[in-house]
């Protein structure tokens, strides 16, 4: 091998090594950019119960940096799913004038800083009833970022457990309408048909 061939060989090996190093740096830069993009659109959904003497509410807030696509949201009382706050045993004998406001959290999008009142009950003695109900309430929520990263709190104490994906929650509007019919039907009218 001549000196010229040897120099050409060394230059070729050097060029290949430099190309490999440049490729490695490009890969690391791409990974870093992906992580920065994920962090830039990272949602954080928080739930807050507010209880006063005559009201009780549950509010979901997005305190993160990007929109939160909520796929699943369930309220459980002692392991049983509650479709409406008035299904709680503490409200079974609620008397007097009261109002109920609910919003469907599943299949909704919370933008950054947005609040969604999942439910609010206003009326006499609602606060003490809600405080009693809080001891047995659990929330299950699963939401994703616009990049497809998902988090869930199922079987965890935190809202920030990464999961592969969220399942779609079935929302049966007929069941919801039945609940409102039951709530709006006065007890005297319901008993008239039984005589």
Protein backbone atom coordinates (compact mmCIF):
# COMPACT_ATOMS: atom_id res chain seq x y z
CA UNK A 1 0.00 0.00 0.00
CA UNK A 2 1.43 3.34 -1.01
CA UNK A 3 1.47 6.43 1.14
CA UNK A 4 -1.16 7.99 -1.13
CA UNK A 5 -3.51 4.96 -0.74
CA UNK A 6 -2.99 4.91 3.00
CA UNK A 7 -3.85 8.63 3.26
CA UNK A 8 -6.96 8.12 1.12
CA UNK A 9 -7.99 5.20 3.39
CA UNK A 10 -7.49 7.28 6.57
CA UNK A 11 -9.45 10.18 5.08
CA UNK A 12 -12.33 7.83 4.15
CA UNK A 13 -12.43 6.33 7.64
CA UNK A 14 -12.36 9.82 9.15
CA UNK A 15 -15.23 10.96 6.91
CA UNK A 16 -17.31 7.92 7.89
CA UNK A 17 -16.61 8.55 11.59
CA UNK A 18 -17.57 12.22 11.24
CA UNK A 19 -20.79 11.25 9.43
CA UNK A 20 -21.66 8.79 12.20
CA UNK A 21 -21.06 11.45 14.88
CA UNK A 22 -23.18 13.97 12.94
CA UNK A 23 -25.97 11.39 12.61
CA UNK A 24 -25.84 10.70 16.36
CA UNK A 25 -26.05 14.43 17.15
CA UNK A 26 -28.98 14.84 14.73
CA UNK A 27 -30.81 11.93 16.43
CA UNK A 28 -30.21 13.36 19.90
CA UNK A 29 -31.38 16.81 18.74
CA UNK A 30 -34.55 15.31 17.25
CA UNK A 31 -35.26 13.46 20.51
CA UNK A 32 -34.70 16.65 22.48
CA UNK A 33 -37.05 18.56 20.15
CA UNK A 34 -39.74 15.89 20.60
CA UNK A 35 -39.42 16.14 24.38
CA UNK A 36 -39.61 19.93 24.23
CA UNK A 37 -42.72 19.70 22.06
CA UNK A 38 -44.31 17.20 24.48
CA UNK A 39 -43.50 19.48 27.41
CA UNK A 40 -44.91 22.50 25.54
CA UNK A 41 -48.34 20.82 25.16
CA UNK A 42 -48.41 18.94 28.47
CA UNK A 43 -51.87 19.16 30.08
CA UNK A 44 -52.48 18.72 33.80
CA UNK A 45 -56.09 18.15 34.85
CA UNK A 46 -56.92 18.84 38.48
CA UNK A 47 -60.22 18.26 40.30
CA UNK A 48 -61.52 20.52 43.06
CA UNK A 49 -64.50 19.96 45.33
CA UNK A 50 -65.98 23.17 46.72
CA UNK A 51 -68.39 22.82 49.63
CA UNK A 52 -70.28 25.70 51.25
CA UNK A 53 -73.30 25.70 53.55
CA UNK A 54 -75.82 25.71 50.71
CA UNK A 55 -73.81 24.42 47.74
CA UNK A 56 -71.43 21.72 46.62
CA UNK A 57 -69.58 21.44 43.33
CA UNK A 58 -66.88 19.55 41.47
CA UNK A 59 -64.71 21.52 39.04
CA UNK A 60 -62.10 20.19 36.62
CA UNK A 61 -59.27 22.58 35.72
CA UNK A 62 -56.47 22.33 33.18
CA UNK A 63 -53.39 23.70 34.93
CA UNK A 64 -50.95 22.44 32.31
CA UNK A 65 -49.37 23.94 29.19
CA UNK A 66 -51.56 22.41 26.49
CA UNK A 67 -55.16 21.32 25.88
CA UNK A 68 -56.45 18.22 27.65
CA UNK A 69 -58.64 15.80 25.69
CA UNK A 70 -60.74 14.06 28.35
CA UNK A 71 -61.68 10.55 27.27
CA UNK A 72 -62.96 9.05 30.54
CA UNK A 73 -64.49 10.69 33.60
CA UNK A 74 -66.32 8.72 36.28
CA UNK A 75 -67.52 9.58 39.77
CA UNK A 76 -67.66 6.52 42.03
CA UNK A 77 -69.33 6.32 45.42
CA UNK A 78 -68.10 3.31 47.40
CA UNK A 79 -67.21 1.59 44.13
CA UNK A 80 -70.52 2.27 42.32
CA UNK A 81 -70.61 4.72 39.40
CA UNK A 82 -72.70 7.84 40.02
CA UNK A 83 -74.24 9.22 36.83
CA UNK A 84 -75.76 12.25 38.56
CA UNK A 85 -74.92 13.87 41.93
CA UNK A 86 -78.49 13.38 43.20
CA UNK A 87 -77.92 9.61 42.99
CA UNK A 88 -75.73 9.90 46.09
CA UNK A 89 -77.48 8.39 49.13
CA UNK A 90 -76.93 11.64 51.02
CA UNK A 91 -79.32 13.39 48.60
CA UNK A 92 -82.05 10.72 48.56
CA UNK A 93 -84.25 12.68 50.98
CA UNK A 94 -83.31 16.18 49.84
CA UNK A 95 -86.26 18.42 50.58
CA UNK A 96 -86.91 22.02 49.69
CA UNK A 97 -85.86 24.09 46.74
CA UNK A 98 -82.58 23.20 45.07
CA UNK A 99 -80.94 23.45 41.66
CA UNK A 100 -78.57 21.10 39.91
CA UNK A 101 -76.13 21.97 37.13
CA UNK A 102 -74.17 19.23 35.36
CA UNK A 103 -71.79 19.11 32.41
CA UNK A 104 -70.47 16.13 30.49
CA UNK A 105 -66.74 15.96 31.10
CA UNK A 106 -66.10 12.82 29.03
CA UNK A 107 -65.33 13.56 25.37
CA UNK A 108 -64.61 17.21 26.10
CA UNK A 109 -61.51 19.35 25.62
CA UNK A 110 -60.16 21.65 28.32
CA UNK A 111 -57.95 24.43 27.04
CA UNK A 112 -55.15 25.83 29.17
CA UNK A 113 -56.56 27.61 32.21
CA UNK A 114 -60.14 26.50 31.46
CA UNK A 115 -62.46 25.26 34.21
CA UNK A 116 -65.35 22.85 33.72
CA UNK A 117 -67.97 22.54 36.47
CA UNK A 118 -68.82 18.82 36.29
CA UNK A 119 -71.68 19.35 38.71
CA UNK A 120 -73.06 21.89 41.16
CA UNK A 121 -75.93 21.39 43.60
CA UNK A 122 -77.40 24.46 45.32
CA UNK A 123 -79.99 24.29 48.09
CA UNK A 124 -80.54 24.13 51.83
CA UNK A 125 -78.16 21.81 53.75
CA UNK A 126 -76.41 20.72 50.53
CA UNK A 127 -72.97 21.50 51.91
CA UNK A 128 -73.18 19.14 54.87
CA UNK A 129 -74.61 16.38 52.68
CA UNK A 130 -71.80 16.87 50.18
CA UNK A 131 -69.17 16.76 52.93
CA UNK A 132 -70.58 13.43 54.09
CA UNK A 133 -70.52 12.11 50.50
CA UNK A 134 -66.89 13.13 49.93
CA UNK A 135 -65.66 10.40 52.28
CA UNK A 136 -66.85 7.71 49.87
CA UNK A 137 -66.24 9.48 46.54
CA UNK A 138 -63.53 8.57 44.05
CA UNK A 139 -62.79 10.10 40.67
CA UNK A 140 -61.51 8.19 37.66
CA UNK A 141 -60.20 10.36 34.86
CA UNK A 142 -58.14 9.62 31.76
CA UNK A 143 -57.01 12.41 29.42
CA UNK A 144 -54.52 12.90 26.59
CA UNK A 145 -52.46 15.69 25.08
CA UNK A 146 -52.78 16.69 21.44
CA UNK A 147 -49.61 14.63 20.78
CA UNK A 148 -51.32 11.43 21.98
CA UNK A 149 -49.58 11.08 25.36
CA UNK A 150 -52.16 9.96 27.96
CA UNK A 151 -52.48 9.98 31.74
CA UNK A 152 -54.87 8.31 34.15
CA UNK A 153 -55.49 8.20 37.88
CA UNK A 154 -57.21 4.80 37.90
CA UNK A 155 -55.97 2.76 40.88
CA UNK A 156 -53.52 5.54 41.72
CA UNK A 157 -53.41 8.46 44.12
CA UNK A 158 -52.26 10.90 41.42
CA UNK A 159 -53.69 12.25 38.16
CA UNK A 160 -50.27 11.91 36.52
CA UNK A 161 -49.75 8.20 35.80
CA UNK A 162 -48.79 7.74 32.11
CA UNK A 163 -50.84 5.14 30.22
CA UNK A 164 -50.68 3.86 26.64
CA UNK A 165 -54.15 5.13 25.74
CA UNK A 166 -57.53 6.01 27.21
CA UNK A 167 -60.62 3.97 26.42
CA UNK A 168 -63.62 5.79 25.02
CA UNK A 169 -66.36 6.18 27.60
CA UNK A 170 -69.89 5.26 26.53
CA UNK A 171 -72.33 8.05 27.29
CA UNK A 172 -75.92 6.86 27.19
CA UNK A 173 -78.17 9.89 26.74
CA UNK A 174 -81.31 7.81 27.43
CA UNK A 175 -79.98 7.02 30.92
CA UNK A 176 -79.27 10.71 31.52
CA UNK A 177 -82.81 11.65 30.43
CA UNK A 178 -84.25 8.96 32.74
CA UNK A 179 -82.33 10.46 35.65
CA UNK A 180 -83.75 13.93 34.94
CA UNK A 181 -87.29 12.50 34.55
CA UNK A 182 -86.95 10.78 37.94
CA UNK A 183 -85.66 13.97 39.55
CA UNK A 184 -88.36 16.17 38.04
CA UNK A 185 -91.24 13.79 38.82
CA UNK A 186 -92.83 14.88 42.11
CA UNK A 187 -93.35 12.06 44.60
CA UNK A 188 -97.11 12.72 44.71
CA UNK A 189 -97.43 12.22 40.92
CA UNK A 190 -95.36 9.05 41.03
CA UNK A 191 -97.63 7.54 43.70
CA UNK A 192 -100.91 8.43 41.94
CA UNK A 193 -100.56 5.67 39.35
CA UNK A 194 -100.14 3.00 42.03
CA UNK A 195 -103.64 3.42 43.53
